[in-house]
Amino acid sequence: METLKQEAIRVISKLPDTANIDDIMYELYVIDKVKKGREAAERGDTISIEELKREMQAW
């Protein structure tokens, strides 16, 4: 299993040489959100599609 550091290095190394700090931070942000989402799903901390639709209508 890939460590967080290894995953970050892998993702950053795929960015073009012209990538700026915002590009790097965005990629790290996405890694963090996906990791937290997977952990929440494993805990069963999810909502139904119906609940999601209700939430979206409130936007």
PDB file of N, CA and C in Angstrom:
ATOM      1  N   MET A   1       0.842  -1.185   0.000  1.00  0.00           N
ATOM      2  CA  MET A   1       0.000   0.000   0.000  1.00  0.00           C
ATOM      3  C   MET A   1       0.887   1.248   0.000  1.00  0.00           C
ATOM      4  N   GLU A   2       0.510   2.180  -0.813  1.00  0.00           N
ATOM      5  CA  GLU A   2       1.271   3.406  -0.987  1.00  0.00           C
ATOM      6  C   GLU A   2       1.037   4.352   0.197  1.00  0.00           C
ATOM      7  N   THR A   3       2.106   4.898   0.737  1.00  0.00           N
ATOM      8  CA  THR A   3       1.962   5.868   1.815  1.00  0.00           C
ATOM      9  C   THR A   3       1.478   7.190   1.235  1.00  0.00           C
ATOM     10  N   LEU A   4       0.994   8.049   2.102  1.00  0.00           N
ATOM     11  CA  LEU A   4       0.534   9.359   1.666  1.00  0.00           C
ATOM     12  C   LEU A   4       1.667  10.140   1.000  1.00  0.00           C
ATOM     13  N   LYS A   5       2.840  10.067   1.586  1.00  0.00           N
ATOM     14  CA  LYS A   5       3.999  10.765   1.023  1.00  0.00           C
ATOM     15  C   LYS A   5       4.323  10.224  -0.370  1.00  0.00           C
ATOM     16  N   GLN A   6       4.315   8.910  -0.526  1.00  0.00           N
ATOM     17  CA  GLN A   6       4.602   8.310  -1.828  1.00  0.00           C
ATOM     18  C   GLN A   6       3.559   8.728  -2.859  1.00  0.00           C
ATOM     19  N   GLU A   7       2.287   8.746  -2.442  1.00  0.00           N
ATOM     20  CA  GLU A   7       1.217   9.146  -3.354  1.00  0.00           C
ATOM     21  C   GLU A   7       1.391  10.601  -3.780  1.00  0.00           C
ATOM     22  N   ALA A   8       1.713  11.470  -2.834  1.00  0.00           N
ATOM     23  CA  ALA A   8       1.919  12.887  -3.150  1.00  0.00           C
ATOM     24  C   ALA A   8       3.075  13.060  -4.130  1.00  0.00           C
ATOM     25  N   ILE A   9       4.169  12.371  -3.883  1.00  0.00           N
ATOM     26  CA  ILE A   9       5.332  12.462  -4.773  1.00  0.00           C
ATOM     27  C   ILE A   9       4.974  11.955  -6.165  1.00  0.00           C
ATOM     28  N   ARG A  10       4.241  10.856  -6.234  1.00  0.00           N
ATOM     29  CA  ARG A  10       3.842  10.294  -7.529  1.00  0.00           C
ATOM     30  C   ARG A  10       2.983  11.278  -8.309  1.00  0.00           C
ATOM     31  N   VAL A  11       1.993  11.861  -7.633  1.00  0.00           N
ATOM     32  CA  VAL A  11       1.091  12.797  -8.304  1.00  0.00           C
ATOM     33  C   VAL A  11       1.831  14.057  -8.740  1.00  0.00           C
ATOM     34  N   ILE A  12       2.659  14.602  -7.854  1.00  0.00           N
ATOM     35  CA  ILE A  12       3.402  15.816  -8.192  1.00  0.00           C
ATOM     36  C   ILE A  12       4.369  15.558  -9.349  1.00  0.00           C
ATOM     37  N   SER A  13       4.980  14.392  -9.367  1.00  0.00           N
ATOM     38  CA  SER A  13       5.940  14.100 -10.436  1.00  0.00           C
ATOM     39  C   SER A  13       5.271  14.002 -11.803  1.00  0.00           C
ATOM     40  N   LYS A  14       3.970  13.777 -11.833  1.00  0.00           N
ATOM     41  CA  LYS A  14       3.249  13.706 -13.112  1.00  0.00           C
ATOM     42  C   LYS A  14       2.855  15.086 -13.631  1.00  0.00           C
ATOM     43  N   LEU A  15       2.955  16.107 -12.784  1.00  0.00           N
ATOM     44  CA  LEU A  15       2.613  17.454 -13.230  1.00  0.00           C
ATOM     45  C   LEU A  15       3.678  17.962 -14.203  1.00  0.00           C
ATOM     46  N   PRO A  16       3.282  18.859 -15.098  1.00  0.00           N
ATOM     47  CA  PRO A  16       4.281  19.415 -16.020  1.00  0.00           C
ATOM     48  C   PRO A  16       5.279  20.290 -15.263  1.00  0.00           C
ATOM     49  N   ASP A  17       6.430  20.486 -15.850  1.00  0.00           N
ATOM     50  CA  ASP A  17       7.467  21.324 -15.234  1.00  0.00           C
ATOM     51  C   ASP A  17       7.000  22.762 -15.037  1.00  0.00           C
ATOM     52  N   THR A  18       5.980  23.139 -15.754  1.00  0.00           N
ATOM     53  CA  THR A  18       5.455  24.507 -15.642  1.00  0.00           C
ATOM     54  C   THR A  18       4.436  24.656 -14.512  1.00  0.00           C
ATOM     55  N   ALA A  19       4.162  23.571 -13.781  1.00  0.00           N
ATOM     56  CA  ALA A  19       3.190  23.624 -12.694  1.00  0.00           C
ATOM     57  C   ALA A  19       3.644  24.615 -11.634  1.00  0.00           C
ATOM     58  N   ASN A  20       2.666  25.344 -11.083  1.00  0.00           N
ATOM     59  CA  ASN A  20       3.002  26.300 -10.035  1.00  0.00           C
ATOM     60  C   ASN A  20       2.528  25.756  -8.677  1.00  0.00           C
ATOM     61  N   ILE A  21       2.751  26.511  -7.642  1.00  0.00           N
ATOM     62  CA  ILE A  21       2.412  26.056  -6.293  1.00  0.00           C
ATOM     63  C   ILE A  21       0.909  25.803  -6.156  1.00  0.00           C
ATOM     64  N   ASP A  22       0.078  26.588  -6.836  1.00  0.00           N
ATOM     65  CA  ASP A  22      -1.369  26.369  -6.787  1.00  0.00           C
ATOM     66  C   ASP A  22      -1.746  25.019  -7.401  1.00  0.00           C
ATOM     67  N   ASP A  23      -1.083  24.660  -8.494  1.00  0.00           N
ATOM     68  CA  ASP A  23      -1.337  23.362  -9.125  1.00  0.00           C
ATOM     69  C   ASP A  23      -0.980  22.226  -8.168  1.00  0.00           C
ATOM     70  N   ILE A  24       0.152  22.359  -7.510  1.00  0.00           N
ATOM     71  CA  ILE A  24       0.604  21.329  -6.574  1.00  0.00           C
ATOM     72  C   ILE A  24      -0.349  21.230  -5.385  1.00  0.00           C
ATOM     73  N   MET A  25      -0.721  22.386  -4.845  1.00  0.00           N
ATOM     74  CA  MET A  25      -1.622  22.385  -3.691  1.00  0.00           C
ATOM     75  C   MET A  25      -2.988  21.809  -4.049  1.00  0.00           C
ATOM     76  N   TYR A  26      -3.473  22.076  -5.255  1.00  0.00           N
ATOM     77  CA  TYR A  26      -4.743  21.514  -5.691  1.00  0.00           C
ATOM     78  C   TYR A  26      -4.670  19.989  -5.739  1.00  0.00           C
ATOM     79  N   GLU A  27      -3.609  19.459  -6.304  1.00  0.00           N
ATOM     80  CA  GLU A  27      -3.454  18.007  -6.377  1.00  0.00           C
ATOM     81  C   GLU A  27      -3.409  17.389  -4.983  1.00  0.00           C
ATOM     82  N   LEU A  28      -2.706  18.029  -4.051  1.00  0.00           N
ATOM     83  CA  LEU A  28      -2.643  17.520  -2.679  1.00  0.00           C
ATOM     84  C   LEU A  28      -4.006  17.616  -2.002  1.00  0.00           C
ATOM     85  N   TYR A  29      -4.749  18.679  -2.286  1.00  0.00           N
ATOM     86  CA  TYR A  29      -6.107  18.847  -1.768  1.00  0.00           C
ATOM     87  C   TYR A  29      -7.010  17.705  -2.245  1.00  0.00           C
ATOM     88  N   VAL A  30      -6.925  17.379  -3.519  1.00  0.00           N
ATOM     89  CA  VAL A  30      -7.749  16.306  -4.078  1.00  0.00           C
ATOM     90  C   VAL A  30      -7.385  14.971  -3.424  1.00  0.00           C
ATOM     91  N   ILE A  31      -6.099  14.703  -3.255  1.00  0.00           N
ATOM     92  CA  ILE A  31      -5.666  13.467  -2.585  1.00  0.00           C
ATOM     93  C   ILE A  31      -6.291  13.386  -1.194  1.00  0.00           C
ATOM     94  N   ASP A  32      -6.227  14.491  -0.455  1.00  0.00           N
ATOM     95  CA  ASP A  32      -6.771  14.526   0.904  1.00  0.00           C
ATOM     96  C   ASP A  32      -8.272  14.269   0.915  1.00  0.00           C
ATOM     97  N   LYS A  33      -9.006  14.916   0.021  1.00  0.00           N
ATOM     98  CA  LYS A  33     -10.468  14.763  -0.003  1.00  0.00           C
ATOM     99  C   LYS A  33     -10.875  13.347  -0.403  1.00  0.00           C
ATOM    100  N   VAL A  34     -10.189  12.768  -1.359  1.00  0.00           N
ATOM    101  CA  VAL A  34     -10.500  11.397  -1.770  1.00  0.00           C
ATOM    102  C   VAL A  34     -10.209  10.432  -0.626  1.00  0.00           C
ATOM    103  N   LYS A  35      -9.088  10.621   0.050  1.00  0.00           N
ATOM    104  CA  LYS A  35      -8.718   9.769   1.190  1.00  0.00           C
ATOM    105  C   LYS A  35      -9.767   9.863   2.287  1.00  0.00           C
ATOM    106  N   LYS A  36     -10.188  11.071   2.619  1.00  0.00           N
ATOM    107  CA  LYS A  36     -11.198  11.258   3.659  1.00  0.00           C
ATOM    108  C   LYS A  36     -12.547  10.679   3.237  1.00  0.00           C
ATOM    109  N   GLY A  37     -12.872  10.797   1.962  1.00  0.00           N
ATOM    110  CA  GLY A  37     -14.122  10.229   1.458  1.00  0.00           C
ATOM    111  C   GLY A  37     -14.136   8.713   1.541  1.00  0.00           C
ATOM    112  N   ARG A  38     -13.029   8.099   1.185  1.00  0.00           N
ATOM    113  CA  ARG A  38     -12.925   6.631   1.282  1.00  0.00           C
ATOM    114  C   ARG A  38     -13.040   6.174   2.730  1.00  0.00           C
ATOM    115  N   GLU A  39     -12.366   6.900   3.631  1.00  0.00           N
ATOM    116  CA  GLU A  39     -12.436   6.544   5.042  1.00  0.00           C
ATOM    117  C   GLU A  39     -13.868   6.674   5.563  1.00  0.00           C
ATOM    118  N   ALA A  40     -14.568   7.720   5.166  1.00  0.00           N
ATOM    119  CA  ALA A  40     -15.957   7.913   5.586  1.00  0.00           C
ATOM    120  C   ALA A  40     -16.838   6.784   5.059  1.00  0.00           C
ATOM    121  N   ALA A  41     -16.625   6.395   3.817  1.00  0.00           N
ATOM    122  CA  ALA A  41     -17.408   5.309   3.230  1.00  0.00           C
ATOM    123  C   ALA A  41     -17.153   3.992   3.962  1.00  0.00           C
ATOM    124  N   GLU A  42     -15.899   3.753   4.315  1.00  0.00           N
ATOM    125  CA  GLU A  42     -15.567   2.524   5.047  1.00  0.00           C
ATOM    126  C   GLU A  42     -16.230   2.495   6.422  1.00  0.00           C
ATOM    127  N   ARG A  43     -16.404   3.679   7.033  1.00  0.00           N
ATOM    128  CA  ARG A  43     -17.069   3.768   8.334  1.00  0.00           C
ATOM    129  C   ARG A  43     -18.585   3.707   8.192  1.00  0.00           C
ATOM    130  N   GLY A  44     -19.070   3.792   6.964  1.00  0.00           N
ATOM    131  CA  GLY A  44     -20.518   3.810   6.738  1.00  0.00           C
ATOM    132  C   GLY A  44     -21.104   5.196   6.943  1.00  0.00           C
ATOM    133  N   ASP A  45     -20.252   6.196   6.968  1.00  0.00           N
ATOM    134  CA  ASP A  45     -20.667   7.575   7.179  1.00  0.00           C
ATOM    135  C   ASP A  45     -21.052   8.189   5.839  1.00  0.00           C
ATOM    136  N   THR A  46     -22.174   7.747   5.308  1.00  0.00           N
ATOM    137  CA  THR A  46     -22.634   8.202   3.999  1.00  0.00           C
ATOM    138  C   THR A  46     -24.101   8.620   4.089  1.00  0.00           C
ATOM    139  N   ILE A  47     -24.602   9.206   3.006  1.00  0.00           N
ATOM    140  CA  ILE A  47     -26.017   9.561   2.941  1.00  0.00           C
ATOM    141  C   ILE A  47     -26.611   8.911   1.696  1.00  0.00           C
ATOM    142  N   SER A  48     -27.923   8.784   1.712  1.00  0.00           N
ATOM    143  CA  SER A  48     -28.598   8.170   0.569  1.00  0.00           C
ATOM    144  C   SER A  48     -28.681   9.171  -0.582  1.00  0.00           C
ATOM    145  N   ILE A  49     -28.977   8.663  -1.763  1.00  0.00           N
ATOM    146  CA  ILE A  49     -29.112   9.527  -2.934  1.00  0.00           C
ATOM    147  C   ILE A  49     -30.274  10.494  -2.737  1.00  0.00           C
ATOM    148  N   GLU A  50     -31.317  10.044  -2.046  1.00  0.00           N
ATOM    149  CA  GLU A  50     -32.465  10.910  -1.780  1.00  0.00           C
ATOM    150  C   GLU A  50     -32.066  12.082  -0.881  1.00  0.00           C
ATOM    151  N   GLU A  51     -31.269  11.803   0.140  1.00  0.00           N
ATOM    152  CA  GLU A  51     -30.793  12.870   1.017  1.00  0.00           C
ATOM    153  C   GLU A  51     -29.914  13.849   0.246  1.00  0.00           C
ATOM    154  N   LEU A  52     -29.078  13.324  -0.619  1.00  0.00           N
ATOM    155  CA  LEU A  52     -28.214  14.174  -1.430  1.00  0.00           C
ATOM    156  C   LEU A  52     -29.047  15.084  -2.331  1.00  0.00           C
ATOM    157  N   LYS A  53     -30.074  14.543  -2.944  1.00  0.00           N
ATOM    158  CA  LYS A  53     -30.935  15.343  -3.809  1.00  0.00           C
ATOM    159  C   LYS A  53     -31.604  16.467  -3.027  1.00  0.00           C
ATOM    160  N   ARG A  54     -32.067  16.158  -1.801  1.00  0.00           N
ATOM    161  CA  ARG A  54     -32.686  17.188  -0.959  1.00  0.00           C
ATOM    162  C   ARG A  54     -31.684  18.282  -0.619  1.00  0.00           C
ATOM    163  N   GLU A  55     -30.474  17.881  -0.285  1.00  0.00           N
ATOM    164  CA  GLU A  55     -29.435  18.864   0.031  1.00  0.00           C
ATOM    165  C   GLU A  55     -29.135  19.755  -1.173  1.00  0.00           C
ATOM    166  N   MET A  56     -29.063  19.136  -2.342  1.00  0.00           N
ATOM    167  CA  MET A  56     -28.733  19.897  -3.544  1.00  0.00           C
ATOM    168  C   MET A  56     -29.834  20.884  -3.900  1.00  0.00           C
ATOM    169  N   GLN A  57     -31.074  20.518  -3.647  1.00  0.00           N
ATOM    170  CA  GLN A  57     -32.195  21.432  -3.917  1.00  0.00           C
ATOM    171  C   GLN A  57     -32.118  22.653  -3.018  1.00  0.00           C
ATOM    172  N   ALA A  58     -31.552  22.496  -1.824  1.00  0.00           N
ATOM    173  CA  ALA A  58     -31.438  23.620  -0.897  1.00  0.00           C
ATOM    174  C   ALA A  58     -30.373  24.626  -1.332  1.00  0.00           C
ATOM    175  N   TRP A  59     -29.479  24.221  -2.234  1.00  0.00           N
ATOM    176  CA  TRP A  59     -28.428  25.117  -2.704  1.00  0.00           C
ATOM    177  C   TRP A  59     -29.059  26.183  -3.538  1.00  0.00           C
TER     178      TRP A  59
END
